[in-house]
Structures are given as structure tokens and as C-alpha cells.
Amino acid sequence: MFTKILNFKIFNKNKNALMNYIEGLEKVNIISGNPEILFNGLNNPMLKENFNHKSSIIIPDGIGTVLAAKLLKKPVEEKIAGIDVVREVLIKANSEAKSIYLLGAKEEILKKCVENIKLEFPNLKVLGFHNGFFDLNNCDDIIEDVKMSEPWAIFVAMGSPRQEIFLSKIMNISNTHIFMGVGGVFDIFAGELKRAPKWMISLGLEWLYRVIKEPFRIKRLMVIPKFLLLVLRNKDKVNNV
């Protein structure tokens, strides 16, 4: 069910299997395991501990992670995009009248995101939301609000590693069931960005579409060859599970 990449356990089944798996967990931190985020986990002791926590599950959200699993000869069944997992969680929250909390992005994007989610999923409850522009070392009021609200799921869209650091702060003190850092997902729900056409997604080319739409992302792609090289250098030291 997992492939070990640089001592991180990566879920290697499909999206449906993932949703069934997390259903049985009391608390789960879903980590979008692209190379950039995994590098952050390697270089930050707090994140490394969090990523390897018993309540954390890392999904292969990135072509670099998919390629790394192939190099280790224990491939994942499919790339699992974070936004697809978010949508599955929202569908469940809507069907069971569960609650969510949204944290991150600019105020105007966040409000539009909340508005669109409420329109598409009218039965779920949005217990709270806050933009992502605050000091991580001075956010006790936000932490307390999340803790007191007790949402079933919280989505944090502040980019890596800020979103993962915030989630590390609240995982052990909140009764929330699902914790997830979601990067630019709020922009998509707000209508500010569009996903790649289905044919590009099916061919594993969503990264190319995003680079075309947001050229600044090309610098972030440079982490992929570095990541793959590190995986190759360490493949004999890792035992797959």
C-alpha cells in the first residue's frame, strides 16, 4: 500500500483506495507529496516528524514523485492530485452535512472560494475561514478559533512549507478529522485559475499546463531532477513497505 521514497511512505494505490483508507482513521493529515514538499520535509525536523506521524498519509501529487516510485521499481497506481482529494472530501461533507474550515489565500479569493463551495455543496457547513496573511509565530487567535470550531475537515492554502507548519501546530490539539495543505486549490475553486484539460491530466501533463499559465512555476520544476538524483543515490538504503 506504500512505497518508501527517501524514508517517506507514499501511498501507492488509487484515489478510491485512498478515500476508503482514510475513512477508517480517527485523524488524518493528507500531505500532497510532490518533490518540493518532500524536500521541505527532509530539511525541516518538525515537518519530517509530522510527515512520518502515524496520522499522516502522503499522496503522490506530482510527476516527480510518480517517476521516483518507478525508479525504485515500486510504482504508484496513479498520480493523486490534491484538488481531486479535496473534492472527494467536500462531496462526503456535503452528503453527510459535515463541517469544514478554510485558511489561506488572499481575502478576496478566499471569500469567492467560500461562496462557490457553498453554492456547489449546500449541505456542508463552513464553520470559519481566514486569509493566509498572518505571522505563523503569532497566530494563537486563529489556532484557538479552529480548535473551538471543531470542523470535520480543515484545508490550508498557504504554500509550502507555511501550510504544513501551521498544520503541525494544530494536529495534536484539535478534534478535526481531516487536515490538508492544499496549495493553490482555493484559486481554482474561486475561479481565478482553471485546471488543465482532461486529456492533459490523463497524460500526466497537468504540470505543463500550469507552467504555460504561470511561467514563474518553471523555476520550481528544477527541483524534480534534484529530487530524482537524490532518490537514485539513496535507493539502496531504503526498504519498501
C-alpha atoms as a PDB file:
ATOM      1  CA  MET A   1       0.000   0.000   0.000  1.00  0.00           C
ATOM      2  CA  PHE A   2       3.023   2.269   0.413  1.00  0.00           C
ATOM      3  CA  THR A   3       6.269   2.963  -1.409  1.00  0.00           C
ATOM      4  CA  LYS A   4       9.145   4.378   0.607  1.00  0.00           C
ATOM      5  CA  ILE A   5      10.821   7.342  -1.052  1.00  0.00           C
ATOM      6  CA  LEU A   6      13.665   8.955   0.921  1.00  0.00           C
ATOM      7  CA  ASN A   7      12.227   7.394   4.097  1.00  0.00           C
ATOM      8  CA  PHE A   8       8.761   8.833   3.484  1.00  0.00           C
ATOM      9  CA  LYS A   9       5.878   6.412   3.000  1.00  0.00           C
ATOM     10  CA  ILE A  10       3.994   7.334  -0.183  1.00  0.00           C
ATOM     11  CA  PHE A  11       0.509   5.903  -0.733  1.00  0.00           C
ATOM     12  CA  ASN A  12       0.737   3.804  -3.891  1.00  0.00           C
ATOM     13  CA  LYS A  13      -2.845   2.712  -4.591  1.00  0.00           C
ATOM     14  CA  ASN A  14      -5.559   4.677  -6.431  1.00  0.00           C
ATOM     15  CA  LYS A  15      -7.759   7.539  -5.268  1.00  0.00           C
ATOM     16  CA  ASN A  16     -10.717   5.330  -4.366  1.00  0.00           C
ATOM     17  CA  ALA A  17      -8.485   3.136  -2.219  1.00  0.00           C
ATOM     18  CA  LEU A  18      -7.150   6.283  -0.539  1.00  0.00           C
ATOM     19  CA  MET A  19     -10.619   7.506   0.379  1.00  0.00           C
ATOM     20  CA  ASN A  20     -11.509   4.084   1.789  1.00  0.00           C
ATOM     21  CA  TYR A  21      -8.268   4.024   3.750  1.00  0.00           C
ATOM     22  CA  ILE A  22      -8.687   7.416   5.407  1.00  0.00           C
ATOM     23  CA  GLU A  23     -12.313   6.573   6.210  1.00  0.00           C
ATOM     24  CA  GLY A  24     -11.065   4.193   8.869  1.00  0.00           C
ATOM     25  CA  LEU A  25      -8.709   6.678  10.520  1.00  0.00           C
ATOM     26  CA  GLU A  26      -9.729   8.747  13.518  1.00  0.00           C
ATOM     27  CA  LYS A  27      -7.498  11.622  12.411  1.00  0.00           C
ATOM     28  CA  VAL A  28      -5.567  12.057   9.179  1.00  0.00           C
ATOM     29  CA  ASN A  29      -3.152  14.633   7.786  1.00  0.00           C
ATOM     30  CA  ILE A  30      -3.160  14.372   3.979  1.00  0.00           C
ATOM     31  CA  ILE A  31       0.103  15.620   2.517  1.00  0.00           C
ATOM     32  CA  SER A  32       0.428  16.394  -1.189  1.00  0.00           C
ATOM     33  CA  GLY A  33       3.745  14.688  -1.751  1.00  0.00           C
ATOM     34  CA  ASN A  34       5.316  16.491  -4.666  1.00  0.00           C
ATOM     35  CA  PRO A  35       9.137  16.809  -4.745  1.00  0.00           C
ATOM     36  CA  GLU A  36       9.108  20.370  -3.399  1.00  0.00           C
ATOM     37  CA  ILE A  37       7.066  19.443  -0.342  1.00  0.00           C
ATOM     38  CA  LEU A  38       9.078  16.266   0.297  1.00  0.00           C
ATOM     39  CA  PHE A  39      12.303  18.294   0.119  1.00  0.00           C
ATOM     40  CA  ASN A  40      10.837  20.661   2.717  1.00  0.00           C
ATOM     41  CA  GLY A  41      10.106  17.621   4.875  1.00  0.00           C
ATOM     42  CA  LEU A  42      13.691  16.418   4.576  1.00  0.00           C
ATOM     43  CA  ASN A  43      15.134  19.789   5.556  1.00  0.00           C
ATOM     44  CA  ASN A  44      12.798  20.710   8.422  1.00  0.00           C
ATOM     45  CA  PRO A  45      12.934  18.454  11.510  1.00  0.00           C
ATOM     46  CA  MET A  46       9.421  19.433  12.622  1.00  0.00           C
ATOM     47  CA  LEU A  47       7.972  18.651   9.195  1.00  0.00           C
ATOM     48  CA  LYS A  48       9.933  15.407   8.930  1.00  0.00           C
ATOM     49  CA  GLU A  49       8.409  14.257  12.206  1.00  0.00           C
ATOM     50  CA  ASN A  50       4.963  15.411  11.089  1.00  0.00           C
ATOM     51  CA  PHE A  51       5.194  13.685   7.684  1.00  0.00           C
ATOM     52  CA  ASN A  52       6.144  10.414   9.401  1.00  0.00           C
ATOM     53  CA  HIS A  53       3.450  10.717  12.062  1.00  0.00           C
ATOM     54  CA  LYS A  54       1.071   7.760  12.346  1.00  0.00           C
ATOM     55  CA  SER A  55      -1.820  10.076  11.404  1.00  0.00           C
ATOM     56  CA  SER A  56      -0.135  11.395   8.240  1.00  0.00           C
ATOM     57  CA  ILE A  57      -0.538   9.985   4.753  1.00  0.00           C
ATOM     58  CA  ILE A  58       1.460  11.259   1.791  1.00  0.00           C
ATOM     59  CA  ILE A  59      -0.182  11.113  -1.632  1.00  0.00           C
ATOM     60  CA  PRO A  60       1.803  11.055  -4.907  1.00  0.00           C
ATOM     61  CA  ASP A  61       0.760  14.511  -6.087  1.00  0.00           C
ATOM     62  CA  GLY A  62       3.459  15.294  -8.617  1.00  0.00           C
ATOM     63  CA  ILE A  63       5.052  13.773 -11.696  1.00  0.00           C
ATOM     64  CA  GLY A  64       8.425  13.781  -9.914  1.00  0.00           C
ATOM     65  CA  THR A  65       7.072  11.538  -7.154  1.00  0.00           C
ATOM     66  CA  VAL A  66       5.479   9.197  -9.693  1.00  0.00           C
ATOM     67  CA  LEU A  67       8.797   8.931 -11.559  1.00  0.00           C
ATOM     68  CA  ALA A  68      10.698   8.348  -8.314  1.00  0.00           C
ATOM     69  CA  ALA A  69       8.440   5.400  -7.451  1.00  0.00           C
ATOM     70  CA  LYS A  70       9.108   3.911 -10.894  1.00  0.00           C
ATOM     71  CA  LEU A  71      12.852   4.280 -10.394  1.00  0.00           C
ATOM     72  CA  LEU A  72      12.517   2.323  -7.152  1.00  0.00           C
ATOM     73  CA  LYS A  73      10.593  -0.375  -9.057  1.00  0.00           C
ATOM     74  CA  LYS A  74       7.570   0.005  -6.813  1.00  0.00           C
ATOM     75  CA  PRO A  75       5.351   2.318  -8.862  1.00  0.00           C
ATOM     76  CA  VAL A  76       2.206   4.024  -7.654  1.00  0.00           C
ATOM     77  CA  GLU A  77      -1.056   3.057  -9.347  1.00  0.00           C
ATOM     78  CA  GLU A  78      -1.798   6.658 -10.237  1.00  0.00           C
ATOM     79  CA  LYS A  79      -0.893  10.248  -9.547  1.00  0.00           C
ATOM     80  CA  ILE A  80      -3.372  11.546  -6.965  1.00  0.00           C
ATOM     81  CA  ALA A  81      -3.920  15.286  -7.310  1.00  0.00           C
ATOM     82  CA  GLY A  82      -4.606  17.187  -4.117  1.00  0.00           C
ATOM     83  CA  ILE A  83      -7.552  19.024  -5.655  1.00  0.00           C
ATOM     84  CA  ASP A  84      -9.223  15.713  -6.511  1.00  0.00           C
ATOM     85  CA  VAL A  85      -8.911  14.611  -2.897  1.00  0.00           C
ATOM     86  CA  VAL A  86     -10.309  17.959  -1.714  1.00  0.00           C
ATOM     87  CA  ARG A  87     -13.307  17.479  -3.997  1.00  0.00           C
ATOM     88  CA  GLU A  88     -13.903  13.963  -2.676  1.00  0.00           C
ATOM     89  CA  VAL A  89     -13.784  15.263   0.900  1.00  0.00           C
ATOM     90  CA  LEU A  90     -16.233  18.064   0.030  1.00  0.00           C
ATOM     91  CA  ILE A  91     -18.612  15.595  -1.621  1.00  0.00           C
ATOM     92  CA  LYS A  92     -18.620  13.480   1.535  1.00  0.00           C
ATOM     93  CA  ALA A  93     -19.000  16.541   3.764  1.00  0.00           C
ATOM     94  CA  ASN A  94     -21.944  17.646   1.661  1.00  0.00           C
ATOM     95  CA  SER A  95     -23.680  14.250   1.651  1.00  0.00           C
ATOM     96  CA  GLU A  96     -23.282  13.876   5.418  1.00  0.00           C
ATOM     97  CA  ALA A  97     -23.766  17.542   6.400  1.00  0.00           C
ATOM     98  CA  LYS A  98     -20.266  17.731   7.875  1.00  0.00           C
ATOM     99  CA  SER A  99     -18.257  20.900   8.530  1.00  0.00           C
ATOM    100  CA  ILE A 100     -15.103  22.473   7.112  1.00  0.00           C
ATOM    101  CA  TYR A 101     -12.739  25.346   7.857  1.00  0.00           C
ATOM    102  CA  LEU A 102     -10.758  27.213   5.182  1.00  0.00           C
ATOM    103  CA  LEU A 103      -7.492  29.001   5.847  1.00  0.00           C
ATOM    104  CA  GLY A 104      -5.280  30.747   3.310  1.00  0.00           C
ATOM    105  CA  ALA A 105      -5.079  32.775   0.092  1.00  0.00           C
ATOM    106  CA  LYS A 106      -5.913  36.461  -0.317  1.00  0.00           C
ATOM    107  CA  GLU A 107      -9.094  37.735   1.310  1.00  0.00           C
ATOM    108  CA  GLU A 108     -10.974  38.327  -1.945  1.00  0.00           C
ATOM    109  CA  ILE A 109     -10.015  34.934  -3.368  1.00  0.00           C
ATOM    110  CA  LEU A 110     -10.888  33.194  -0.120  1.00  0.00           C
ATOM    111  CA  LYS A 111     -14.336  34.799   0.032  1.00  0.00           C
ATOM    112  CA  LYS A 112     -15.075  33.835  -3.570  1.00  0.00           C
ATOM    113  CA  CYS A 113     -13.854  30.307  -2.847  1.00  0.00           C
ATOM    114  CA  VAL A 114     -16.168  30.040   0.160  1.00  0.00           C
ATOM    115  CA  GLU A 115     -19.064  31.418  -1.872  1.00  0.00           C
ATOM    116  CA  ASN A 116     -18.560  28.912  -4.690  1.00  0.00           C
ATOM    117  CA  ILE A 117     -18.131  25.968  -2.325  1.00  0.00           C
ATOM    118  CA  LYS A 118     -21.383  26.867  -0.575  1.00  0.00           C
ATOM    119  CA  LEU A 119     -23.171  27.043  -3.927  1.00  0.00           C
ATOM    120  CA  GLU A 120     -21.851  23.690  -5.117  1.00  0.00           C
ATOM    121  CA  PHE A 121     -22.082  21.911  -1.754  1.00  0.00           C
ATOM    122  CA  PRO A 122     -25.061  23.498   0.033  1.00  0.00           C
ATOM    123  CA  ASN A 123     -25.377  20.860   2.756  1.00  0.00           C
ATOM    124  CA  LEU A 124     -21.914  21.200   4.244  1.00  0.00           C
ATOM    125  CA  LYS A 125     -21.156  23.772   6.922  1.00  0.00           C
ATOM    126  CA  VAL A 126     -18.352  26.325   6.629  1.00  0.00           C
ATOM    127  CA  LEU A 127     -17.562  26.966  10.287  1.00  0.00           C
ATOM    128  CA  GLY A 128     -14.895  29.560   9.644  1.00  0.00           C
ATOM    129  CA  PHE A 129     -12.338  30.973   7.265  1.00  0.00           C
ATOM    130  CA  HIS A 130      -9.321  33.282   7.430  1.00  0.00           C
ATOM    131  CA  ASN A 131      -6.882  34.579   4.818  1.00  0.00           C
ATOM    132  CA  GLY A 132      -3.309  33.316   4.797  1.00  0.00           C
ATOM    133  CA  PHE A 133      -1.581  36.600   5.614  1.00  0.00           C
ATOM    134  CA  PHE A 134      -0.567  36.287   9.247  1.00  0.00           C
ATOM    135  CA  ASP A 135       2.507  35.580  11.353  1.00  0.00           C
ATOM    136  CA  LEU A 136       2.928  31.864  11.993  1.00  0.00           C
ATOM    137  CA  ASN A 137       4.617  32.704  15.287  1.00  0.00           C
ATOM    138  CA  ASN A 138       1.778  34.959  16.406  1.00  0.00           C
ATOM    139  CA  CYS A 139      -1.461  33.235  15.437  1.00  0.00           C
ATOM    140  CA  ASP A 140      -2.852  31.904  18.702  1.00  0.00           C
ATOM    141  CA  ASP A 141      -6.216  33.516  17.932  1.00  0.00           C
ATOM    142  CA  ILE A 142      -6.541  31.558  14.683  1.00  0.00           C
ATOM    143  CA  ILE A 143      -5.425  28.328  16.314  1.00  0.00           C
ATOM    144  CA  GLU A 144      -7.981  28.850  19.079  1.00  0.00           C
ATOM    145  CA  ASP A 145     -10.725  29.556  16.553  1.00  0.00           C
ATOM    146  CA  VAL A 146     -10.014  26.306  14.711  1.00  0.00           C
ATOM    147  CA  LYS A 147      -9.823  24.406  17.983  1.00  0.00           C
ATOM    148  CA  MET A 148     -13.124  25.793  19.278  1.00  0.00           C
ATOM    149  CA  SER A 149     -14.904  25.391  15.915  1.00  0.00           C
ATOM    150  CA  GLU A 150     -14.028  21.684  15.713  1.00  0.00           C
ATOM    151  CA  PRO A 151     -14.523  21.342  11.943  1.00  0.00           C
ATOM    152  CA  TRP A 152     -14.613  17.864  10.448  1.00  0.00           C
ATOM    153  CA  ALA A 153     -12.004  18.958   7.880  1.00  0.00           C
ATOM    154  CA  ILE A 154      -9.618  21.885   7.552  1.00  0.00           C
ATOM    155  CA  PHE A 155      -7.943  22.961   4.310  1.00  0.00           C
ATOM    156  CA  VAL A 156      -4.906  25.246   4.497  1.00  0.00           C
ATOM    157  CA  ALA A 157      -3.780  27.038   1.320  1.00  0.00           C
ATOM    158  CA  MET A 158      -0.632  28.967   2.169  1.00  0.00           C
ATOM    159  CA  GLY A 159       2.020  27.249   0.081  1.00  0.00           C
ATOM    160  CA  SER A 160       4.775  25.009   1.365  1.00  0.00           C
ATOM    161  CA  PRO A 161       6.184  24.935   3.973  1.00  0.00           C
ATOM    162  CA  ARG A 162       3.886  27.500   5.693  1.00  0.00           C
ATOM    163  CA  GLN A 163       0.758  25.382   5.387  1.00  0.00           C
ATOM    164  CA  GLU A 164       2.475  22.255   6.698  1.00  0.00           C
ATOM    165  CA  ILE A 165       3.997  24.185   9.607  1.00  0.00           C
ATOM    166  CA  PHE A 166       0.591  25.539  10.598  1.00  0.00           C
ATOM    167  CA  LEU A 167      -0.993  22.104  10.420  1.00  0.00           C
ATOM    168  CA  SER A 168       1.807  20.755  12.609  1.00  0.00           C
ATOM    169  CA  LYS A 169       0.791  23.301  15.240  1.00  0.00           C
ATOM    170  CA  ILE A 170      -2.848  22.214  15.422  1.00  0.00           C
ATOM    171  CA  MET A 171      -2.928  18.480  14.686  1.00  0.00           C
ATOM    172  CA  ASN A 172      -2.426  17.338  18.250  1.00  0.00           C
ATOM    173  CA  ILE A 173      -4.746  19.883  19.869  1.00  0.00           C
ATOM    174  CA  SER A 174      -7.724  19.801  17.519  1.00  0.00           C
ATOM    175  CA  ASN A 175     -10.542  17.261  17.242  1.00  0.00           C
ATOM    176  CA  THR A 176     -10.658  17.781  13.476  1.00  0.00           C
ATOM    177  CA  HIS A 177     -10.740  14.575  11.425  1.00  0.00           C
ATOM    178  CA  ILE A 178      -9.069  15.660   8.161  1.00  0.00           C
ATOM    179  CA  PHE A 179      -6.148  18.084   7.904  1.00  0.00           C
ATOM    180  CA  MET A 180      -4.820  19.013   4.482  1.00  0.00           C
ATOM    181  CA  GLY A 181      -2.448  21.544   2.955  1.00  0.00           C
ATOM    182  CA  VAL A 182      -3.844  22.413  -0.456  1.00  0.00           C
ATOM    183  CA  GLY A 183      -1.533  24.952  -2.120  1.00  0.00           C
ATOM    184  CA  GLY A 184      -3.369  26.842  -4.881  1.00  0.00           C
ATOM    185  CA  VAL A 185      -6.647  24.915  -4.665  1.00  0.00           C
ATOM    186  CA  PHE A 186      -8.595  27.922  -3.354  1.00  0.00           C
ATOM    187  CA  ASP A 187      -7.689  29.841  -6.523  1.00  0.00           C
ATOM    188  CA  ILE A 188      -9.287  27.099  -8.613  1.00  0.00           C
ATOM    189  CA  PHE A 189     -12.466  26.956  -6.542  1.00  0.00           C
ATOM    190  CA  ALA A 190     -12.617  30.749  -6.663  1.00  0.00           C
ATOM    191  CA  GLY A 191     -12.446  30.631 -10.462  1.00  0.00           C
ATOM    192  CA  GLU A 192      -9.138  32.503 -10.593  1.00  0.00           C
ATOM    193  CA  LEU A 193      -7.349  29.544 -12.149  1.00  0.00           C
ATOM    194  CA  LYS A 194      -8.500  26.654 -14.312  1.00  0.00           C
ATOM    195  CA  ARG A 195      -7.278  23.081 -14.263  1.00  0.00           C
ATOM    196  CA  ALA A 196      -5.695  21.531 -17.315  1.00  0.00           C
ATOM    197  CA  PRO A 197      -7.956  19.885 -19.916  1.00  0.00           C
ATOM    198  CA  LYS A 198      -8.828  16.286 -19.051  1.00  0.00           C
ATOM    199  CA  TRP A 199      -6.652  14.924 -21.851  1.00  0.00           C
ATOM    200  CA  MET A 200      -3.586  16.651 -20.393  1.00  0.00           C
ATOM    201  CA  ILE A 201      -4.408  15.378 -16.912  1.00  0.00           C
ATOM    202  CA  SER A 202      -4.812  11.820 -18.207  1.00  0.00           C
ATOM    203  CA  LEU A 203      -1.406  12.040 -19.944  1.00  0.00           C
ATOM    204  CA  GLY A 204       0.281  13.374 -16.815  1.00  0.00           C
ATOM    205  CA  LEU A 205       0.830  16.801 -18.363  1.00  0.00           C
ATOM    206  CA  GLU A 206      -1.021  18.969 -15.856  1.00  0.00           C
ATOM    207  CA  TRP A 207       2.344  20.361 -14.745  1.00  0.00           C
ATOM    208  CA  LEU A 208       2.966  21.625 -18.288  1.00  0.00           C
ATOM    209  CA  TYR A 209      -0.393  23.365 -18.420  1.00  0.00           C
ATOM    210  CA  ARG A 210       0.314  25.101 -15.114  1.00  0.00           C
ATOM    211  CA  VAL A 211       3.723  26.278 -16.325  1.00  0.00           C
ATOM    212  CA  ILE A 212       2.153  27.675 -19.502  1.00  0.00           C
ATOM    213  CA  LYS A 213      -0.432  29.548 -17.438  1.00  0.00           C
ATOM    214  CA  GLU A 214       2.010  30.572 -14.697  1.00  0.00           C
ATOM    215  CA  PRO A 215       5.544  30.766 -16.179  1.00  0.00           C
ATOM    216  CA  PHE A 216       7.082  31.524 -12.771  1.00  0.00           C
ATOM    217  CA  ARG A 217       6.491  27.861 -11.907  1.00  0.00           C
ATOM    218  CA  ILE A 218       9.257  26.747 -14.247  1.00  0.00           C
ATOM    219  CA  LYS A 219      11.831  27.553 -11.561  1.00  0.00           C
ATOM    220  CA  ARG A 220      10.009  25.190  -9.201  1.00  0.00           C
ATOM    221  CA  LEU A 221      10.294  22.378 -11.738  1.00  0.00           C
ATOM    222  CA  MET A 222      14.072  22.464 -11.304  1.00  0.00           C
ATOM    223  CA  VAL A 223      13.607  20.621  -8.022  1.00  0.00           C
ATOM    224  CA  ILE A 224      12.444  17.491  -9.888  1.00  0.00           C
ATOM    225  CA  PRO A 225      15.832  16.390 -11.345  1.00  0.00           C
ATOM    226  CA  LYS A 226      17.498  17.158  -7.998  1.00  0.00           C
ATOM    227  CA  PHE A 227      14.864  15.080  -6.249  1.00  0.00           C
ATOM    228  CA  LEU A 228      15.228  12.144  -8.644  1.00  0.00           C
ATOM    229  CA  LEU A 229      19.007  12.222  -8.326  1.00  0.00           C
ATOM    230  CA  LEU A 230      18.713  12.102  -4.529  1.00  0.00           C
ATOM    231  CA  VAL A 231      16.294   9.179  -4.788  1.00  0.00           C
ATOM    232  CA  LEU A 232      18.724   7.279  -7.024  1.00  0.00           C
ATOM    233  CA  ARG A 233      21.622   7.936  -4.673  1.00  0.00           C
ATOM    234  CA  ASN A 234      19.655   6.591  -1.726  1.00  0.00           C
ATOM    235  CA  LYS A 235      17.656   3.779  -3.312  1.00  0.00           C
ATOM    236  CA  ASP A 236      19.847   1.038  -1.840  1.00  0.00           C
ATOM    237  CA  LYS A 237      19.324   2.439   1.657  1.00  0.00           C
ATOM    238  CA  VAL A 238      15.523   2.298   1.526  1.00  0.00           C
ATOM    239  CA  ASN A 239      13.387  -0.761   2.137  1.00  0.00           C
ATOM    240  CA  ASN A 240       9.964  -0.548   0.534  1.00  0.00           C
ATOM    241  CA  VAL A 241       6.906  -1.467   2.572  1.00  0.00           C
END
